[in-house]
Amino acid sequence: MQGVMPLYYHMKKAVGGLLNWESIYNGLVTAFKTGNIGPKSNLITIVHNNSETDREEANTVVKWLTAETNYTIK
């Protein structure tokens, strides 16, 4: 992709640990119980797939929504 500028923002980091079936399961359970990224991810898809005449503005919105989504992940 050309003209893509990566976003930089300070985010929290998860506590390190072993990656095994139990930790994967616990992570999925937590994501489904407390996760909040579904609505924002769906909106990103809608904006990205929309045939906007102003593509630059749509790309700016996608970048903003991506950053907001990443902030909600705990």
C-alpha atoms as a PDB file:
ATOM      1  CA  MET A   1       0.000   0.000   0.000  1.00  0.00           C
ATOM      2  CA  GLN A   2       1.243   3.452  -0.804  1.00  0.00           C
ATOM      3  CA  GLY A   3       0.689   6.603   1.219  1.00  0.00           C
ATOM      4  CA  VAL A   4      -0.102   4.759   4.438  1.00  0.00           C
ATOM      5  CA  MET A   5       1.060   6.572   7.555  1.00  0.00           C
ATOM      6  CA  PRO A   6       1.201   4.381  10.679  1.00  0.00           C
ATOM      7  CA  LEU A   7      -0.499   5.759  13.757  1.00  0.00           C
ATOM      8  CA  TYR A   8       1.365   6.073  17.030  1.00  0.00           C
ATOM      9  CA  TYR A   9      -0.384   6.135  20.350  1.00  0.00           C
ATOM     10  CA  HIS A  10       0.505   4.965  23.831  1.00  0.00           C
ATOM     11  CA  MET A  11      -1.549   1.955  24.883  1.00  0.00           C
ATOM     12  CA  LYS A  12      -1.675  -0.373  27.839  1.00  0.00           C
ATOM     13  CA  LYS A  13       0.038  -3.723  27.514  1.00  0.00           C
ATOM     14  CA  ALA A  14      -1.185  -7.071  28.717  1.00  0.00           C
ATOM     15  CA  VAL A  15       0.583  -8.954  31.453  1.00  0.00           C
ATOM     16  CA  GLY A  16       2.941 -11.540  30.028  1.00  0.00           C
ATOM     17  CA  GLY A  17       2.428 -15.224  30.555  1.00  0.00           C
ATOM     18  CA  LEU A  18       2.476 -18.657  29.012  1.00  0.00           C
ATOM     19  CA  LEU A  19       0.427 -19.133  25.865  1.00  0.00           C
ATOM     20  CA  ASN A  20      -1.496 -22.374  26.218  1.00  0.00           C
ATOM     21  CA  TRP A  21      -5.039 -23.641  25.669  1.00  0.00           C
ATOM     22  CA  GLU A  22      -6.207 -22.422  29.075  1.00  0.00           C
ATOM     23  CA  SER A  23      -4.863 -18.887  28.592  1.00  0.00           C
ATOM     24  CA  ILE A  24      -6.342 -18.731  25.078  1.00  0.00           C
ATOM     25  CA  TYR A  25      -9.716 -19.877  26.401  1.00  0.00           C
ATOM     26  CA  ASN A  26      -9.627 -17.375  29.270  1.00  0.00           C
ATOM     27  CA  GLY A  27      -8.714 -14.595  26.841  1.00  0.00           C
ATOM     28  CA  LEU A  28     -11.633 -15.438  24.561  1.00  0.00           C
ATOM     29  CA  VAL A  29     -14.063 -15.598  27.481  1.00  0.00           C
ATOM     30  CA  THR A  30     -12.869 -12.190  28.700  1.00  0.00           C
ATOM     31  CA  ALA A  31     -13.148 -10.704  25.198  1.00  0.00           C
ATOM     32  CA  PHE A  32     -16.720 -11.910  24.784  1.00  0.00           C
ATOM     33  CA  LYS A  33     -17.787 -10.804  28.263  1.00  0.00           C
ATOM     34  CA  THR A  34     -16.120  -7.400  28.404  1.00  0.00           C
ATOM     35  CA  GLY A  35     -15.064  -6.728  24.817  1.00  0.00           C
ATOM     36  CA  ASN A  36     -16.400  -3.681  23.054  1.00  0.00           C
ATOM     37  CA  ILE A  37     -14.718  -3.751  19.661  1.00  0.00           C
ATOM     38  CA  GLY A  38     -17.478  -5.364  17.567  1.00  0.00           C
ATOM     39  CA  PRO A  39     -19.556  -2.232  16.845  1.00  0.00           C
ATOM     40  CA  LYS A  40     -16.476  -0.154  16.065  1.00  0.00           C
ATOM     41  CA  SER A  41     -14.983  -2.871  13.857  1.00  0.00           C
ATOM     42  CA  ASN A  42     -18.251  -3.118  11.949  1.00  0.00           C
ATOM     43  CA  LEU A  43     -18.263   0.650  11.445  1.00  0.00           C
ATOM     44  CA  ILE A  44     -14.674   0.533  10.130  1.00  0.00           C
ATOM     45  CA  THR A  45     -15.762  -2.071   7.579  1.00  0.00           C
ATOM     46  CA  ILE A  46     -18.753   0.018   6.495  1.00  0.00           C
ATOM     47  CA  VAL A  47     -16.683   3.176   6.036  1.00  0.00           C
ATOM     48  CA  HIS A  48     -13.853   1.310   4.303  1.00  0.00           C
ATOM     49  CA  ASN A  49     -16.179  -0.425   1.830  1.00  0.00           C
ATOM     50  CA  ASN A  50     -18.266   2.669   1.121  1.00  0.00           C
ATOM     51  CA  SER A  51     -17.738   4.238  -2.292  1.00  0.00           C
ATOM     52  CA  GLU A  52     -17.045   7.687  -0.908  1.00  0.00           C
ATOM     53  CA  THR A  53     -16.172  10.355  -3.425  1.00  0.00           C
ATOM     54  CA  ASP A  54     -13.778  11.796  -0.843  1.00  0.00           C
ATOM     55  CA  ARG A  55     -11.624   8.729  -0.232  1.00  0.00           C
ATOM     56  CA  GLU A  56      -9.052  10.712   1.759  1.00  0.00           C
ATOM     57  CA  GLU A  57     -11.671  11.718   4.323  1.00  0.00           C
ATOM     58  CA  ALA A  58     -12.947   8.138   4.558  1.00  0.00           C
ATOM     59  CA  ASN A  59      -9.389   6.876   5.135  1.00  0.00           C
ATOM     60  CA  THR A  60      -8.939   9.454   7.901  1.00  0.00           C
ATOM     61  CA  VAL A  61     -12.118   8.191   9.570  1.00  0.00           C
ATOM     62  CA  VAL A  62     -10.908   4.574   9.307  1.00  0.00           C
ATOM     63  CA  LYS A  63      -7.593   5.537  10.946  1.00  0.00           C
ATOM     64  CA  TRP A  64      -9.393   7.358  13.760  1.00  0.00           C
ATOM     65  CA  LEU A  65     -11.779   4.450  14.368  1.00  0.00           C
ATOM     66  CA  THR A  66      -8.889   1.969  14.332  1.00  0.00           C
ATOM     67  CA  ALA A  67      -7.075   3.957  16.999  1.00  0.00           C
ATOM     68  CA  GLU A  68     -10.251   4.217  19.089  1.00  0.00           C
ATOM     69  CA  THR A  69     -10.820   0.469  18.775  1.00  0.00           C
ATOM     70  CA  ASN A  70      -7.255  -0.275  19.863  1.00  0.00           C
ATOM     71  CA  TYR A  71      -7.704   1.950  22.921  1.00  0.00           C
ATOM     72  CA  THR A  72     -10.729  -0.095  24.026  1.00  0.00           C
ATOM     73  CA  ILE A  73      -8.773  -3.372  24.039  1.00  0.00           C
ATOM     74  CA  LYS A  74      -7.610  -4.141  27.567  1.00  0.00           C
END
